[in-house]
Every structure is written in structure tokens, then in C-alpha cells.
């Protein structure tokens, strides 16, 4: 009988910061904000706070506006 608490086979989901669509982590682009600039983390190994965005042009184009809005909040 398999352990129900086992995470084997679990695929994490993340939410796009622009459109709020929930999708599998592997289908989204991860980026971090370093020194005021957006850096895409292709290998997903940078140790800063990571954000996720859809691979659609609409969301990527709105990313700069989102960054300015976020900076105002913090």
C-alpha cells in the first residue's frame, strides 16, 4: 500500500503574476528582480525571490509595468 503522504510524482503548480493563471511550474517562465532589472532564470537556480509569468506575449509585455507597480508597493 503506497504512502499517501509521499510526494513522488508531484508536479508543483505556480501562478502567473500578470494574468493569475495557475499552471505547472515547467510551463511558466521564472524570473527574479536583481538591482532593479528583470532576469529570467532559465535553469531556475538563482537564490533570490522568484516570480513566474506565462510564456504568452501579452503577459511578457506587461511585465515591465508590473515591476514598476511592485516597486511602488515596497
C-alpha atoms as a PDB file:
ATOM      1  CA  UNK A   1       0.000   0.000   0.000  1.00  0.00           C
ATOM      2  CA  UNK A   2       1.579   3.324  -1.067  1.00  0.00           C
ATOM      3  CA  UNK A   3       2.169   6.109   1.422  1.00  0.00           C
ATOM      4  CA  UNK A   4      -0.469   8.806   0.863  1.00  0.00           C
ATOM      5  CA  UNK A   5       1.905  11.486   2.187  1.00  0.00           C
ATOM      6  CA  UNK A   6       4.556  10.653  -0.391  1.00  0.00           C
ATOM      7  CA  UNK A   7       5.374  13.430  -2.843  1.00  0.00           C
ATOM      8  CA  UNK A   8       6.563  11.060  -5.536  1.00  0.00           C
ATOM      9  CA  UNK A   9       5.124  12.110  -8.859  1.00  0.00           C
ATOM     10  CA  UNK A  10       4.059  15.517  -7.540  1.00  0.00           C
ATOM     11  CA  UNK A  11       4.375  18.327 -10.093  1.00  0.00           C
ATOM     12  CA  UNK A  12       4.301  21.798  -8.486  1.00  0.00           C
ATOM     13  CA  UNK A  13       1.951  24.473  -9.818  1.00  0.00           C
ATOM     14  CA  UNK A  14       2.647  28.203  -9.850  1.00  0.00           C
ATOM     15  CA  UNK A  15       0.615  31.311 -10.685  1.00  0.00           C
ATOM     16  CA  UNK A  16       1.449  33.876 -13.363  1.00  0.00           C
ATOM     17  CA  UNK A  17       1.958  37.277 -11.687  1.00  0.00           C
ATOM     18  CA  UNK A  18       0.249  39.042 -14.606  1.00  0.00           C
ATOM     19  CA  UNK A  19      -2.871  37.058 -15.570  1.00  0.00           C
ATOM     20  CA  UNK A  20      -3.101  34.937 -12.365  1.00  0.00           C
ATOM     21  CA  UNK A  21      -3.462  31.740 -14.399  1.00  0.00           C
ATOM     22  CA  UNK A  22      -2.379  28.636 -12.479  1.00  0.00           C
ATOM     23  CA  UNK A  23      -0.168  26.232 -14.431  1.00  0.00           C
ATOM     24  CA  UNK A  24       2.568  23.678 -13.942  1.00  0.00           C
ATOM     25  CA  UNK A  25       5.930  25.148 -12.980  1.00  0.00           C
ATOM     26  CA  UNK A  26       7.614  23.753 -16.093  1.00  0.00           C
ATOM     27  CA  UNK A  27       5.168  25.631 -18.370  1.00  0.00           C
ATOM     28  CA  UNK A  28       5.926  29.052 -16.862  1.00  0.00           C
ATOM     29  CA  UNK A  29       8.991  31.305 -17.089  1.00  0.00           C
ATOM     30  CA  UNK A  30      10.723  32.093 -13.799  1.00  0.00           C
ATOM     31  CA  UNK A  31      12.374  35.465 -13.249  1.00  0.00           C
ATOM     32  CA  UNK A  32      13.985  37.375 -10.401  1.00  0.00           C
ATOM     33  CA  UNK A  33      14.463  41.088  -9.837  1.00  0.00           C
ATOM     34  CA  UNK A  34      18.109  41.962  -9.222  1.00  0.00           C
ATOM     35  CA  UNK A  35      19.262  45.574  -8.861  1.00  0.00           C
ATOM     36  CA  UNK A  36      16.032  46.839 -10.394  1.00  0.00           C
ATOM     37  CA  UNK A  37      16.297  44.655 -13.505  1.00  0.00           C
ATOM     38  CA  UNK A  38      14.345  41.583 -14.555  1.00  0.00           C
ATOM     39  CA  UNK A  39      16.493  38.500 -15.104  1.00  0.00           C
ATOM     40  CA  UNK A  40      14.938  35.320 -16.457  1.00  0.00           C
ATOM     41  CA  UNK A  41      16.121  32.279 -14.530  1.00  0.00           C
ATOM     42  CA  UNK A  42      16.149  29.598 -17.226  1.00  0.00           C
ATOM     43  CA  UNK A  43      17.648  26.869 -15.019  1.00  0.00           C
ATOM     44  CA  UNK A  44      15.570  28.002 -12.003  1.00  0.00           C
ATOM     45  CA  UNK A  45      18.553  28.034  -9.654  1.00  0.00           C
ATOM     46  CA  UNK A  46      19.002  31.671  -8.592  1.00  0.00           C
ATOM     47  CA  UNK A  47      18.617  32.160  -4.847  1.00  0.00           C
ATOM     48  CA  UNK A  48      16.508  35.309  -4.972  1.00  0.00           C
ATOM     49  CA  UNK A  49      12.745  35.559  -4.684  1.00  0.00           C
ATOM     50  CA  UNK A  50      11.354  34.062  -7.873  1.00  0.00           C
ATOM     51  CA  UNK A  51       8.261  35.089  -9.783  1.00  0.00           C
ATOM     52  CA  UNK A  52       6.526  33.290 -12.624  1.00  0.00           C
ATOM     53  CA  UNK A  53       4.984  34.552 -15.836  1.00  0.00           C
ATOM     54  CA  UNK A  54       3.161  32.848 -18.724  1.00  0.00           C
ATOM     55  CA  UNK A  55       5.008  32.204 -21.953  1.00  0.00           C
ATOM     56  CA  UNK A  56       2.471  34.371 -23.804  1.00  0.00           C
ATOM     57  CA  UNK A  57       3.365  37.697 -25.415  1.00  0.00           C
ATOM     58  CA  UNK A  58       0.621  39.571 -23.539  1.00  0.00           C
ATOM     59  CA  UNK A  59       1.988  38.657 -20.124  1.00  0.00           C
ATOM     60  CA  UNK A  60       5.633  39.219 -21.036  1.00  0.00           C
ATOM     61  CA  UNK A  61       4.839  42.664 -22.465  1.00  0.00           C
ATOM     62  CA  UNK A  62       3.019  43.673 -19.268  1.00  0.00           C
ATOM     63  CA  UNK A  63       5.937  42.547 -17.088  1.00  0.00           C
ATOM     64  CA  UNK A  64       7.770  45.904 -17.044  1.00  0.00           C
ATOM     65  CA  UNK A  65       4.604  47.714 -15.937  1.00  0.00           C
ATOM     66  CA  UNK A  66       4.113  45.096 -13.191  1.00  0.00           C
ATOM     67  CA  UNK A  67       7.679  45.633 -11.968  1.00  0.00           C
ATOM     68  CA  UNK A  68       7.138  49.388 -11.605  1.00  0.00           C
ATOM     69  CA  UNK A  69       3.883  48.781  -9.743  1.00  0.00           C
ATOM     70  CA  UNK A  70       5.583  46.299  -7.398  1.00  0.00           C
ATOM     71  CA  UNK A  71       8.416  48.724  -6.679  1.00  0.00           C
ATOM     72  CA  UNK A  72       5.887  51.341  -5.579  1.00  0.00           C
ATOM     73  CA  UNK A  73       4.355  48.914  -3.076  1.00  0.00           C
ATOM     74  CA  UNK A  74       7.675  48.013  -1.427  1.00  0.00           C
END
